[in-house]
Amino acid sequence: SAGHNITGFLHVLDAVRRHRVPRLVYASSAAVYGIPSSLPLSEDATPQPLSPYGLEKLINDHYAELFRTLYNVSSVGMRYFNVYGPRQDPTSPYAGVISKFANGLQTATPLRIFGDGSQTRDFVYVGDVAQANVRALETPVQGVLNVGTGRTVSLLQLIDTMSKAFDTAAEVRYEPSAPGDIPHSATTTTRLAQALAWQPATSLLEGLGALALSLRTG
């Protein structure tokens, strides 16, 4: 994965430098934080990644900072929290829990929960993420920004909300927690709001409703 996430990103940075591209907005990840010592997470929290993916994203953030210092490359890394919405492939190794649960509801397959379902996440709708990216492109903010809603929901609450949005009862299957699972994750949106003069506006129920509609209509 390092070949894609690090080497590929270095090619992008070098192309931006060589062609004097005025601005780069790139995908970082909340995975850089690992298991947080306190919540909500701000951009000043100390990164402690627990996966190769999180480590690679953190390395990219450092490379972006290096290119800003050495070559004056203007960039901002968007540390996405749990992004969901239409067109996410549930079979992808990068698929989020919502797309997997949506596939389970559609196919009447039990929804697998690793642990007791009390884990919390900050789910942010893909349409809001797209707006954040555009606004970041149009502002001079440098460094990194956490991209989330500032609101958390447990996996059991998520399943209940998805059942309403999909108008389908869910069957849940509990399995042991996996090593390295992050029990809770949440961000503050303070810097995001200050830097972009904007905050996510889509509620979880609205976003899940849009996802359900997209799956029904193809």
N, C-alpha and C. Protein backbone atom coordinates (compact mmCIF):
# COMPACT_ATOMS: atom_id res chain seq x y z
N SER A 1 0.82 -1.21 0.00
CA SER A 1 0.00 0.00 0.00
C SER A 1 0.85 1.26 0.00
N ALA A 2 2.09 1.16 0.51
CA ALA A 2 2.95 2.34 0.54
C ALA A 2 3.25 2.86 -0.86
N GLY A 3 3.31 1.93 -1.83
CA GLY A 3 3.57 2.35 -3.20
C GLY A 3 2.50 3.28 -3.73
N HIS A 4 1.24 3.02 -3.33
CA HIS A 4 0.16 3.89 -3.76
C HIS A 4 0.07 5.14 -2.90
N ASN A 5 0.06 4.95 -1.59
CA ASN A 5 -0.23 6.05 -0.68
C ASN A 5 0.93 7.02 -0.49
N ILE A 6 2.15 6.54 -0.55
CA ILE A 6 3.29 7.43 -0.34
C ILE A 6 3.97 7.80 -1.66
N THR A 7 4.41 6.79 -2.41
CA THR A 7 5.10 7.08 -3.67
C THR A 7 4.19 7.83 -4.63
N GLY A 8 2.94 7.40 -4.72
CA GLY A 8 1.99 8.09 -5.59
C GLY A 8 1.80 9.54 -5.18
N PHE A 9 1.71 9.76 -3.86
CA PHE A 9 1.53 11.13 -3.37
C PHE A 9 2.76 11.99 -3.66
N LEU A 10 3.94 11.41 -3.55
CA LEU A 10 5.16 12.16 -3.87
C LEU A 10 5.18 12.57 -5.34
N HIS A 11 4.67 11.71 -6.22
CA HIS A 11 4.57 12.08 -7.63
C HIS A 11 3.64 13.27 -7.81
N VAL A 12 2.53 13.27 -7.06
CA VAL A 12 1.59 14.40 -7.14
C VAL A 12 2.27 15.68 -6.66
N LEU A 13 2.92 15.62 -5.50
CA LEU A 13 3.60 16.81 -4.98
C LEU A 13 4.65 17.33 -5.95
N ASP A 14 5.41 16.43 -6.55
CA ASP A 14 6.45 16.86 -7.48
C ASP A 14 5.84 17.48 -8.73
N ALA A 15 4.72 16.93 -9.20
CA ALA A 15 4.05 17.52 -10.36
C ALA A 15 3.52 18.91 -10.04
N VAL A 16 2.96 19.06 -8.84
CA VAL A 16 2.48 20.38 -8.41
C VAL A 16 3.64 21.38 -8.37
N ARG A 17 4.78 20.94 -7.86
CA ARG A 17 5.96 21.81 -7.80
C ARG A 17 6.46 22.19 -9.19
N ARG A 18 6.61 21.18 -10.05
CA ARG A 18 7.20 21.42 -11.37
C ARG A 18 6.30 22.31 -12.24
N HIS A 19 5.00 22.10 -12.15
CA HIS A 19 4.06 22.84 -13.01
C HIS A 19 3.50 24.08 -12.32
N ARG A 20 3.99 24.35 -11.13
CA ARG A 20 3.60 25.55 -10.39
C ARG A 20 2.08 25.64 -10.23
N VAL A 21 1.49 24.52 -9.87
CA VAL A 21 0.06 24.49 -9.58
C VAL A 21 -0.19 25.35 -8.34
N PRO A 22 -1.15 26.26 -8.39
CA PRO A 22 -1.28 27.22 -7.28
C PRO A 22 -1.79 26.64 -5.97
N ARG A 23 -2.46 25.48 -6.03
CA ARG A 23 -3.09 25.00 -4.79
C ARG A 23 -3.33 23.51 -4.88
N LEU A 24 -3.08 22.79 -3.78
CA LEU A 24 -3.34 21.35 -3.70
C LEU A 24 -4.18 21.06 -2.47
N VAL A 25 -5.33 20.42 -2.69
CA VAL A 25 -6.16 19.89 -1.61
C VAL A 25 -6.10 18.37 -1.73
N TYR A 26 -5.64 17.69 -0.70
CA TYR A 26 -5.46 16.25 -0.80
C TYR A 26 -6.14 15.52 0.35
N ALA A 27 -6.36 14.23 0.15
CA ALA A 27 -7.05 13.39 1.13
C ALA A 27 -6.07 12.86 2.16
N SER A 28 -6.19 13.34 3.39
CA SER A 28 -5.53 12.73 4.53
C SER A 28 -6.59 11.86 5.22
N SER A 29 -6.43 11.56 6.48
CA SER A 29 -7.38 10.67 7.14
C SER A 29 -7.32 10.81 8.65
N ALA A 30 -8.47 10.62 9.30
CA ALA A 30 -8.50 10.57 10.76
C ALA A 30 -7.76 9.36 11.29
N ALA A 31 -7.43 8.40 10.41
CA ALA A 31 -6.68 7.22 10.84
C ALA A 31 -5.30 7.58 11.37
N VAL A 32 -4.83 8.80 11.10
CA VAL A 32 -3.52 9.19 11.62
C VAL A 32 -3.52 9.29 13.15
N TYR A 33 -4.71 9.46 13.75
CA TYR A 33 -4.78 9.70 15.20
C TYR A 33 -4.72 8.42 16.03
N GLY A 34 -5.10 7.27 15.44
CA GLY A 34 -5.13 6.04 16.21
C GLY A 34 -6.18 6.10 17.30
N ILE A 35 -5.88 5.51 18.46
CA ILE A 35 -6.80 5.56 19.60
C ILE A 35 -6.53 6.84 20.38
N PRO A 36 -7.46 7.78 20.37
CA PRO A 36 -7.20 9.07 21.00
C PRO A 36 -7.19 8.98 22.52
N SER A 37 -6.38 9.82 23.15
CA SER A 37 -6.34 9.87 24.61
C SER A 37 -7.46 10.72 25.16
N SER A 38 -8.00 11.62 24.33
CA SER A 38 -9.13 12.45 24.74
C SER A 38 -9.92 12.85 23.51
N LEU A 39 -11.19 13.16 23.72
CA LEU A 39 -12.09 13.55 22.64
C LEU A 39 -12.80 14.84 23.01
N PRO A 40 -13.25 15.65 22.03
CA PRO A 40 -13.07 15.44 20.60
C PRO A 40 -11.64 15.77 20.14
N LEU A 41 -11.29 15.25 18.99
CA LEU A 41 -9.95 15.44 18.45
C LEU A 41 -9.85 16.78 17.73
N SER A 42 -8.80 17.51 18.03
CA SER A 42 -8.48 18.70 17.25
C SER A 42 -7.28 18.39 16.36
N GLU A 43 -6.98 19.28 15.45
CA GLU A 43 -5.84 19.09 14.57
C GLU A 43 -4.52 19.12 15.34
N ASP A 44 -4.55 19.61 16.56
CA ASP A 44 -3.33 19.66 17.37
C ASP A 44 -3.07 18.38 18.16
N ALA A 45 -3.99 17.43 18.10
CA ALA A 45 -3.80 16.16 18.80
C ALA A 45 -2.58 15.43 18.22
N THR A 46 -1.87 14.72 19.08
CA THR A 46 -0.68 13.99 18.64
C THR A 46 -1.07 12.75 17.85
N PRO A 47 -0.64 12.64 16.60
CA PRO A 47 -0.97 11.44 15.81
C PRO A 47 -0.28 10.20 16.37
N GLN A 48 -1.03 9.10 16.46
CA GLN A 48 -0.49 7.82 16.89
C GLN A 48 -1.14 6.71 16.06
N PRO A 49 -0.82 6.65 14.77
CA PRO A 49 -1.50 5.70 13.89
C PRO A 49 -1.28 4.26 14.31
N LEU A 50 -2.33 3.44 14.14
CA LEU A 50 -2.27 2.03 14.50
C LEU A 50 -2.40 1.11 13.30
N SER A 51 -2.32 1.67 12.11
CA SER A 51 -2.43 0.86 10.89
C SER A 51 -1.44 1.39 9.86
N PRO A 52 -1.01 0.53 8.93
CA PRO A 52 -0.14 1.03 7.85
C PRO A 52 -0.77 2.19 7.09
N TYR A 53 -2.08 2.10 6.86
CA TYR A 53 -2.78 3.17 6.14
C TYR A 53 -2.66 4.50 6.89
N GLY A 54 -2.94 4.48 8.20
CA GLY A 54 -2.84 5.70 8.99
C GLY A 54 -1.44 6.27 9.00
N LEU A 55 -0.44 5.38 9.11
CA LEU A 55 0.95 5.82 9.10
C LEU A 55 1.31 6.45 7.76
N GLU A 56 0.87 5.83 6.68
CA GLU A 56 1.17 6.36 5.35
C GLU A 56 0.54 7.74 5.14
N LYS A 57 -0.68 7.92 5.63
CA LYS A 57 -1.33 9.22 5.51
C LYS A 57 -0.58 10.28 6.33
N LEU A 58 -0.09 9.90 7.49
CA LEU A 58 0.67 10.83 8.32
C LEU A 58 1.98 11.21 7.63
N ILE A 59 2.64 10.25 7.03
CA ILE A 59 3.87 10.53 6.27
C ILE A 59 3.58 11.51 5.15
N ASN A 60 2.45 11.33 4.48
CA ASN A 60 2.07 12.26 3.41
C ASN A 60 1.89 13.68 3.94
N ASP A 61 1.27 13.79 5.13
CA ASP A 61 1.11 15.12 5.73
C ASP A 61 2.46 15.78 5.96
N HIS A 62 3.43 14.99 6.40
CA HIS A 62 4.78 15.54 6.63
C HIS A 62 5.45 15.92 5.31
N TYR A 63 5.25 15.11 4.28
CA TYR A 63 5.82 15.46 2.97
C TYR A 63 5.20 16.75 2.44
N ALA A 64 3.90 16.91 2.62
CA ALA A 64 3.24 18.14 2.17
C ALA A 64 3.82 19.35 2.89
N GLU A 65 4.06 19.19 4.19
CA GLU A 65 4.66 20.28 4.97
C GLU A 65 6.08 20.58 4.47
N LEU A 66 6.83 19.53 4.15
CA LEU A 66 8.19 19.71 3.64
C LEU A 66 8.19 20.47 2.32
N PHE A 67 7.26 20.11 1.43
CA PHE A 67 7.19 20.79 0.14
C PHE A 67 6.74 22.24 0.30
N ARG A 68 5.92 22.53 1.32
CA ARG A 68 5.57 23.92 1.59
C ARG A 68 6.80 24.71 2.01
N THR A 69 7.62 24.09 2.86
CA THR A 69 8.81 24.76 3.38
C THR A 69 9.88 24.95 2.30
N LEU A 70 10.14 23.90 1.52
CA LEU A 70 11.23 23.94 0.55
C LEU A 70 10.85 24.62 -0.76
N TYR A 71 9.61 24.39 -1.21
CA TYR A 71 9.23 24.83 -2.56
C TYR A 71 8.02 25.76 -2.58
N ASN A 72 7.52 26.14 -1.41
CA ASN A 72 6.37 27.04 -1.33
C ASN A 72 5.13 26.45 -2.01
N VAL A 73 4.94 25.14 -1.89
CA VAL A 73 3.75 24.49 -2.43
C VAL A 73 2.59 24.70 -1.45
N SER A 74 1.56 25.37 -1.90
CA SER A 74 0.39 25.65 -1.06
C SER A 74 -0.51 24.42 -1.02
N SER A 75 -0.77 23.90 0.19
CA SER A 75 -1.58 22.68 0.28
C SER A 75 -2.29 22.59 1.61
N VAL A 76 -3.36 21.80 1.62
CA VAL A 76 -4.06 21.47 2.85
C VAL A 76 -4.50 20.01 2.77
N GLY A 77 -4.25 19.27 3.84
CA GLY A 77 -4.67 17.87 3.92
C GLY A 77 -5.98 17.77 4.67
N MET A 78 -6.95 17.12 4.07
CA MET A 78 -8.27 16.98 4.66
C MET A 78 -8.32 15.65 5.41
N ARG A 79 -8.32 15.72 6.72
CA ARG A 79 -8.36 14.50 7.53
C ARG A 79 -9.81 14.06 7.70
N TYR A 80 -10.26 13.27 6.74
CA TYR A 80 -11.65 12.81 6.73
C TYR A 80 -11.90 11.84 7.88
N PHE A 81 -13.06 12.01 8.50
CA PHE A 81 -13.51 11.02 9.48
C PHE A 81 -14.32 9.97 8.71
N ASN A 82 -15.46 9.53 9.16
CA ASN A 82 -16.14 8.40 8.50
C ASN A 82 -17.07 8.92 7.40
N VAL A 83 -16.56 8.91 6.18
CA VAL A 83 -17.31 9.42 5.03
C VAL A 83 -18.25 8.34 4.51
N TYR A 84 -19.48 8.75 4.17
CA TYR A 84 -20.45 7.80 3.62
C TYR A 84 -21.28 8.50 2.55
N GLY A 85 -21.96 7.70 1.75
CA GLY A 85 -22.85 8.26 0.74
C GLY A 85 -22.95 7.37 -0.48
N PRO A 86 -23.69 7.83 -1.49
CA PRO A 86 -23.89 7.04 -2.70
C PRO A 86 -22.58 6.70 -3.40
N ARG A 87 -22.61 5.55 -4.08
CA ARG A 87 -21.54 5.07 -4.96
C ARG A 87 -20.33 4.49 -4.23
N GLN A 88 -20.41 4.30 -2.94
CA GLN A 88 -19.30 3.64 -2.25
C GLN A 88 -19.47 2.13 -2.39
N ASP A 89 -18.44 1.48 -2.88
CA ASP A 89 -18.48 0.04 -3.14
C ASP A 89 -18.36 -0.74 -1.83
N PRO A 90 -19.39 -1.50 -1.44
CA PRO A 90 -19.32 -2.24 -0.17
C PRO A 90 -18.31 -3.37 -0.18
N THR A 91 -17.84 -3.78 -1.36
CA THR A 91 -16.86 -4.87 -1.44
C THR A 91 -15.42 -4.35 -1.40
N SER A 92 -15.24 -3.04 -1.45
CA SER A 92 -13.90 -2.47 -1.42
C SER A 92 -13.26 -2.66 -0.05
N PRO A 93 -11.96 -2.91 0.00
CA PRO A 93 -11.29 -3.01 1.31
C PRO A 93 -11.31 -1.69 2.08
N TYR A 94 -11.61 -0.60 1.38
CA TYR A 94 -11.69 0.71 2.03
C TYR A 94 -13.13 1.11 2.34
N ALA A 95 -14.07 0.20 2.11
CA ALA A 95 -15.48 0.53 2.34
C ALA A 95 -15.74 0.79 3.81
N GLY A 96 -16.58 1.77 4.07
CA GLY A 96 -16.95 2.09 5.44
C GLY A 96 -18.07 1.20 5.94
N VAL A 97 -18.33 1.29 7.23
CA VAL A 97 -19.34 0.43 7.85
C VAL A 97 -20.72 0.72 7.29
N ILE A 98 -21.01 1.95 6.92
CA ILE A 98 -22.35 2.27 6.42
C ILE A 98 -22.62 1.57 5.10
N SER A 99 -21.66 1.56 4.19
CA SER A 99 -21.90 0.88 2.91
C SER A 99 -22.05 -0.62 3.11
N LYS A 100 -21.32 -1.18 4.08
CA LYS A 100 -21.46 -2.61 4.37
C LYS A 100 -22.82 -2.91 4.99
N PHE A 101 -23.26 -2.06 5.92
CA PHE A 101 -24.58 -2.24 6.52
C PHE A 101 -25.67 -2.06 5.48
N ALA A 102 -25.51 -1.10 4.58
CA ALA A 102 -26.50 -0.88 3.53
C ALA A 102 -26.63 -2.12 2.64
N ASN A 103 -25.49 -2.71 2.32
CA ASN A 103 -25.52 -3.93 1.51
C ASN A 103 -26.22 -5.06 2.26
N GLY A 104 -25.98 -5.15 3.57
CA GLY A 104 -26.65 -6.16 4.38
C GLY A 104 -28.15 -5.96 4.44
N LEU A 105 -28.60 -4.72 4.58
CA LEU A 105 -30.03 -4.44 4.61
C LEU A 105 -30.68 -4.77 3.28
N GLN A 106 -29.98 -4.52 2.20
CA GLN A 106 -30.53 -4.80 0.87
C GLN A 106 -30.64 -6.29 0.59
N THR A 107 -29.71 -7.05 1.13
CA THR A 107 -29.65 -8.49 0.83
C THR A 107 -30.16 -9.36 1.96
N ALA A 108 -30.74 -8.73 2.98
CA ALA A 108 -31.27 -9.45 4.15
C ALA A 108 -30.19 -10.30 4.81
N THR A 109 -28.98 -9.75 4.86
CA THR A 109 -27.84 -10.41 5.48
C THR A 109 -27.61 -9.81 6.87
N PRO A 110 -27.31 -10.63 7.88
CA PRO A 110 -27.05 -10.07 9.21
C PRO A 110 -25.94 -9.02 9.19
N LEU A 111 -26.13 -7.96 9.94
CA LEU A 111 -25.13 -6.91 10.04
C LEU A 111 -24.13 -7.29 11.13
N ARG A 112 -22.87 -7.36 10.78
CA ARG A 112 -21.83 -7.80 11.71
C ARG A 112 -21.31 -6.63 12.53
N ILE A 113 -21.36 -6.78 13.85
CA ILE A 113 -20.79 -5.80 14.76
C ILE A 113 -19.66 -6.47 15.53
N PHE A 114 -18.48 -5.88 15.47
CA PHE A 114 -17.33 -6.41 16.21
C PHE A 114 -17.27 -5.69 17.55
N GLY A 115 -17.65 -6.40 18.60
CA GLY A 115 -17.78 -5.78 19.92
C GLY A 115 -19.24 -5.71 20.30
N ASP A 116 -19.57 -4.76 21.19
CA ASP A 116 -20.95 -4.69 21.69
C ASP A 116 -21.80 -3.62 21.01
N GLY A 117 -21.22 -2.90 20.05
CA GLY A 117 -21.98 -1.89 19.33
C GLY A 117 -21.98 -0.52 19.97
N SER A 118 -21.27 -0.38 21.08
CA SER A 118 -21.22 0.92 21.75
C SER A 118 -20.15 1.84 21.15
N GLN A 119 -19.36 1.30 20.22
CA GLN A 119 -18.33 2.13 19.58
C GLN A 119 -19.00 3.33 18.90
N THR A 120 -18.35 4.47 18.97
CA THR A 120 -18.92 5.67 18.37
C THR A 120 -18.03 6.18 17.24
N ARG A 121 -18.70 6.79 16.25
CA ARG A 121 -18.01 7.35 15.10
C ARG A 121 -18.64 8.69 14.73
N ASP A 122 -17.88 9.47 13.98
CA ASP A 122 -18.35 10.74 13.45
C ASP A 122 -18.55 10.53 11.95
N PHE A 123 -19.81 10.37 11.53
CA PHE A 123 -20.13 10.09 10.13
C PHE A 123 -20.43 11.38 9.39
N VAL A 124 -19.75 11.60 8.28
CA VAL A 124 -19.92 12.83 7.51
C VAL A 124 -20.30 12.48 6.08
N TYR A 125 -21.32 13.16 5.57
CA TYR A 125 -21.89 12.84 4.25
C TYR A 125 -20.94 13.29 3.13
N VAL A 126 -20.86 12.49 2.08
CA VAL A 126 -19.92 12.74 1.00
C VAL A 126 -20.19 14.07 0.30
N GLY A 127 -21.45 14.49 0.22
CA GLY A 127 -21.74 15.79 -0.37
C GLY A 127 -21.15 16.93 0.43
N ASP A 128 -21.18 16.81 1.75
CA ASP A 128 -20.54 17.81 2.60
C ASP A 128 -19.02 17.79 2.43
N VAL A 129 -18.46 16.61 2.30
CA VAL A 129 -17.02 16.49 2.10
C VAL A 129 -16.61 17.17 0.79
N ALA A 130 -17.39 16.98 -0.26
CA ALA A 130 -17.10 17.62 -1.55
C ALA A 130 -17.11 19.14 -1.41
N GLN A 131 -18.10 19.66 -0.67
CA GLN A 131 -18.16 21.11 -0.45
C GLN A 131 -16.95 21.60 0.33
N ALA A 132 -16.54 20.83 1.33
CA ALA A 132 -15.36 21.21 2.12
C ALA A 132 -14.12 21.27 1.24
N ASN A 133 -13.98 20.30 0.33
CA ASN A 133 -12.82 20.28 -0.57
C ASN A 133 -12.79 21.53 -1.45
N VAL A 134 -13.94 21.89 -2.00
CA VAL A 134 -14.01 23.06 -2.88
C VAL A 134 -13.67 24.33 -2.10
N ARG A 135 -14.23 24.45 -0.91
CA ARG A 135 -13.95 25.64 -0.10
C ARG A 135 -12.48 25.71 0.30
N ALA A 136 -11.90 24.55 0.59
CA ALA A 136 -10.47 24.53 0.94
C ALA A 136 -9.60 24.94 -0.24
N LEU A 137 -10.06 24.60 -1.44
CA LEU A 137 -9.32 24.99 -2.65
C LEU A 137 -9.32 26.50 -2.83
N GLU A 138 -10.38 27.14 -2.34
CA GLU A 138 -10.57 28.58 -2.56
C GLU A 138 -10.05 29.44 -1.41
N THR A 139 -9.49 28.82 -0.38
CA THR A 139 -8.98 29.57 0.77
C THR A 139 -7.48 29.33 0.93
N PRO A 140 -6.78 30.21 1.63
CA PRO A 140 -5.33 30.05 1.77
C PRO A 140 -4.89 29.18 2.93
N VAL A 141 -5.82 28.50 3.61
CA VAL A 141 -5.45 27.71 4.78
C VAL A 141 -4.40 26.66 4.42
N GLN A 142 -3.41 26.49 5.30
CA GLN A 142 -2.33 25.53 5.10
C GLN A 142 -2.38 24.47 6.20
N GLY A 143 -1.71 23.36 5.98
CA GLY A 143 -1.61 22.33 7.01
C GLY A 143 -2.65 21.25 6.85
N VAL A 144 -3.40 20.98 7.92
CA VAL A 144 -4.41 19.93 7.88
C VAL A 144 -5.70 20.45 8.52
N LEU A 145 -6.81 19.86 8.09
CA LEU A 145 -8.12 20.16 8.66
C LEU A 145 -8.85 18.85 8.93
N ASN A 146 -9.45 18.72 10.10
CA ASN A 146 -10.33 17.59 10.37
C ASN A 146 -11.67 17.84 9.69
N VAL A 147 -12.16 16.83 8.99
CA VAL A 147 -13.43 16.97 8.27
C VAL A 147 -14.42 15.96 8.84
N GLY A 148 -15.31 16.45 9.67
CA GLY A 148 -16.36 15.65 10.29
C GLY A 148 -17.49 16.57 10.68
N THR A 149 -18.45 16.04 11.42
CA THR A 149 -19.61 16.84 11.80
C THR A 149 -19.52 17.38 13.22
N GLY A 150 -18.64 16.79 14.02
CA GLY A 150 -18.61 17.15 15.43
C GLY A 150 -19.66 16.44 16.25
N ARG A 151 -20.40 15.53 15.60
CA ARG A 151 -21.43 14.74 16.29
C ARG A 151 -21.08 13.26 16.18
N THR A 152 -21.36 12.49 17.23
CA THR A 152 -21.05 11.07 17.20
C THR A 152 -22.31 10.23 17.35
N VAL A 153 -22.20 9.00 16.88
CA VAL A 153 -23.31 8.05 16.98
C VAL A 153 -22.71 6.67 17.20
N SER A 154 -23.34 5.87 18.04
CA SER A 154 -22.85 4.50 18.25
C SER A 154 -23.28 3.63 17.08
N LEU A 155 -22.65 2.48 16.94
CA LEU A 155 -23.02 1.58 15.85
C LEU A 155 -24.44 1.07 16.01
N LEU A 156 -24.89 0.85 17.25
CA LEU A 156 -26.28 0.43 17.45
C LEU A 156 -27.25 1.54 17.08
N GLN A 157 -26.91 2.78 17.41
CA GLN A 157 -27.75 3.90 16.99
C GLN A 157 -27.74 4.04 15.47
N LEU A 158 -26.59 3.79 14.86
CA LEU A 158 -26.49 3.85 13.41
C LEU A 158 -27.42 2.84 12.76
N ILE A 159 -27.41 1.61 13.26
CA ILE A 159 -28.28 0.57 12.70
C ILE A 159 -29.74 0.96 12.84
N ASP A 160 -30.12 1.52 13.97
CA ASP A 160 -31.50 1.95 14.17
C ASP A 160 -31.88 3.03 13.16
N THR A 161 -31.00 4.00 12.93
CA THR A 161 -31.28 5.07 11.98
C THR A 161 -31.31 4.54 10.55
N MET A 162 -30.42 3.60 10.23
CA MET A 162 -30.42 3.02 8.89
C MET A 162 -31.68 2.22 8.64
N SER A 163 -32.17 1.52 9.65
CA SER A 163 -33.41 0.76 9.49
C SER A 163 -34.57 1.69 9.14
N LYS A 164 -34.58 2.87 9.75
CA LYS A 164 -35.62 3.85 9.43
C LYS A 164 -35.45 4.39 8.01
N ALA A 165 -34.22 4.74 7.65
CA ALA A 165 -33.97 5.31 6.33
C ALA A 165 -34.24 4.31 5.22
N PHE A 166 -33.94 3.03 5.46
CA PHE A 166 -34.12 1.99 4.45
C PHE A 166 -35.48 1.30 4.58
N ASP A 167 -36.22 1.64 5.66
CA ASP A 167 -37.52 1.02 5.93
C ASP A 167 -37.39 -0.51 5.93
N THR A 168 -36.35 -0.99 6.60
CA THR A 168 -36.05 -2.42 6.65
C THR A 168 -35.55 -2.78 8.05
N ALA A 169 -36.09 -3.85 8.61
CA ALA A 169 -35.60 -4.32 9.91
C ALA A 169 -34.22 -4.95 9.74
N ALA A 170 -33.37 -4.74 10.72
CA ALA A 170 -32.01 -5.26 10.65
C ALA A 170 -31.82 -6.42 11.61
N GLU A 171 -31.10 -7.44 11.14
CA GLU A 171 -30.66 -8.53 12.01
C GLU A 171 -29.19 -8.30 12.32
N VAL A 172 -28.82 -8.32 13.59
CA VAL A 172 -27.45 -8.02 14.00
C VAL A 172 -26.75 -9.28 14.49
N ARG A 173 -25.51 -9.45 14.07
CA ARG A 173 -24.68 -10.56 14.55
C ARG A 173 -23.44 -9.98 15.23
N TYR A 174 -23.27 -10.32 16.49
CA TYR A 174 -22.14 -9.80 17.26
C TYR A 174 -20.94 -10.74 17.15
N GLU A 175 -19.77 -10.15 16.96
CA GLU A 175 -18.54 -10.91 16.87
C GLU A 175 -17.48 -10.25 17.77
N PRO A 176 -16.43 -10.98 18.12
CA PRO A 176 -15.39 -10.40 18.99
C PRO A 176 -14.73 -9.18 18.36
N SER A 177 -14.33 -8.26 19.20
CA SER A 177 -13.61 -7.09 18.71
C SER A 177 -12.30 -7.51 18.06
N ALA A 178 -11.91 -6.78 17.03
CA ALA A 178 -10.65 -7.07 16.34
C ALA A 178 -9.52 -6.27 16.98
N PRO A 179 -8.30 -6.82 16.98
CA PRO A 179 -7.16 -6.07 17.53
C PRO A 179 -6.98 -4.74 16.81
N GLY A 180 -6.74 -3.70 17.58
CA GLY A 180 -6.52 -2.39 16.98
C GLY A 180 -7.78 -1.60 16.69
N ASP A 181 -8.95 -2.18 16.99
CA ASP A 181 -10.20 -1.44 16.78
C ASP A 181 -10.21 -0.18 17.64
N ILE A 182 -10.66 0.90 17.06
CA ILE A 182 -10.75 2.17 17.79
C ILE A 182 -12.14 2.29 18.40
N PRO A 183 -12.25 2.35 19.74
CA PRO A 183 -13.57 2.34 20.36
C PRO A 183 -14.38 3.60 20.11
N HIS A 184 -13.73 4.75 20.10
CA HIS A 184 -14.46 6.01 19.94
C HIS A 184 -13.65 6.98 19.09
N SER A 185 -14.36 7.72 18.27
CA SER A 185 -13.71 8.71 17.41
C SER A 185 -14.65 9.89 17.22
N ALA A 186 -14.13 11.08 17.40
CA ALA A 186 -14.93 12.29 17.23
C ALA A 186 -14.00 13.46 17.00
N THR A 187 -14.44 14.41 16.20
CA THR A 187 -13.63 15.58 15.93
C THR A 187 -14.34 16.85 16.39
N THR A 188 -13.56 17.86 16.64
CA THR A 188 -14.11 19.19 16.78
C THR A 188 -14.09 19.86 15.41
N THR A 189 -15.08 20.68 15.11
CA THR A 189 -15.13 21.36 13.81
C THR A 189 -14.70 22.82 13.92
N THR A 190 -14.09 23.19 15.03
CA THR A 190 -13.74 24.59 15.26
C THR A 190 -12.83 25.15 14.18
N ARG A 191 -11.72 24.46 13.92
CA ARG A 191 -10.78 24.97 12.92
C ARG A 191 -11.37 24.90 11.52
N LEU A 192 -12.13 23.86 11.24
CA LEU A 192 -12.80 23.73 9.94
C LEU A 192 -13.71 24.93 9.70
N ALA A 193 -14.52 25.25 10.70
CA ALA A 193 -15.47 26.37 10.57
C ALA A 193 -14.74 27.69 10.43
N GLN A 194 -13.67 27.87 11.19
CA GLN A 194 -12.93 29.13 11.12
C GLN A 194 -12.21 29.29 9.79
N ALA A 195 -11.60 28.22 9.31
CA ALA A 195 -10.79 28.30 8.09
C ALA A 195 -11.65 28.44 6.84
N LEU A 196 -12.78 27.74 6.81
CA LEU A 196 -13.60 27.70 5.60
C LEU A 196 -14.87 28.51 5.70
N ALA A 197 -15.16 29.06 6.88
CA ALA A 197 -16.44 29.76 7.11
C ALA A 197 -17.60 28.87 6.67
N TRP A 198 -17.54 27.62 7.13
CA TRP A 198 -18.49 26.61 6.66
C TRP A 198 -18.49 25.44 7.63
N GLN A 199 -19.63 24.75 7.71
CA GLN A 199 -19.72 23.51 8.47
C GLN A 199 -20.64 22.53 7.74
N PRO A 200 -20.45 21.22 7.93
CA PRO A 200 -21.36 20.24 7.32
C PRO A 200 -22.80 20.49 7.75
N ALA A 201 -23.73 20.31 6.81
CA ALA A 201 -25.13 20.62 7.09
C ALA A 201 -26.06 19.41 7.00
N THR A 202 -25.57 18.28 6.49
CA THR A 202 -26.43 17.12 6.25
C THR A 202 -26.53 16.27 7.51
N SER A 203 -27.76 16.06 8.00
CA SER A 203 -27.94 15.19 9.16
C SER A 203 -27.73 13.74 8.76
N LEU A 204 -27.51 12.89 9.74
CA LEU A 204 -27.29 11.47 9.45
C LEU A 204 -28.51 10.86 8.77
N LEU A 205 -29.70 11.17 9.25
CA LEU A 205 -30.91 10.61 8.65
C LEU A 205 -31.08 11.10 7.21
N GLU A 206 -30.78 12.37 6.95
CA GLU A 206 -30.87 12.90 5.59
C GLU A 206 -29.87 12.20 4.67
N GLY A 207 -28.65 12.05 5.14
CA GLY A 207 -27.63 11.42 4.33
C GLY A 207 -27.94 9.96 4.05
N LEU A 208 -28.42 9.26 5.07
CA LEU A 208 -28.78 7.85 4.87
C LEU A 208 -29.98 7.72 3.95
N GLY A 209 -30.90 8.68 4.02
CA GLY A 209 -32.03 8.67 3.10
C GLY A 209 -31.58 8.84 1.67
N ALA A 210 -30.61 9.72 1.44
CA ALA A 210 -30.07 9.91 0.09
C ALA A 210 -29.36 8.65 -0.39
N LEU A 211 -28.66 7.99 0.51
CA LEU A 211 -27.99 6.73 0.16
C LEU A 211 -29.01 5.67 -0.20
N ALA A 212 -30.05 5.53 0.60
CA ALA A 212 -31.09 4.53 0.33
C ALA A 212 -31.76 4.80 -1.01
N LEU A 213 -32.05 6.07 -1.31
CA LEU A 213 -32.69 6.42 -2.58
C LEU A 213 -31.78 6.07 -3.75
N SER A 214 -30.49 6.35 -3.62
CA SER A 214 -29.57 6.06 -4.71
C SER A 214 -29.48 4.56 -4.98
N LEU A 215 -29.58 3.76 -3.94
CA LEU A 215 -29.51 2.30 -4.12
C LEU A 215 -30.80 1.76 -4.74
N ARG A 216 -31.93 2.39 -4.41
CA ARG A 216 -33.20 1.94 -4.99
C ARG A 216 -33.31 2.31 -6.46
N THR A 217 -32.77 3.47 -6.83
CA THR A 217 -32.93 3.97 -8.19
C THR A 217 -31.75 3.65 -9.10
N GLY A 218 -30.70 3.09 -8.51
CA GLY A 218 -29.54 2.72 -9.32
C GLY A 218 -28.70 3.92 -9.69
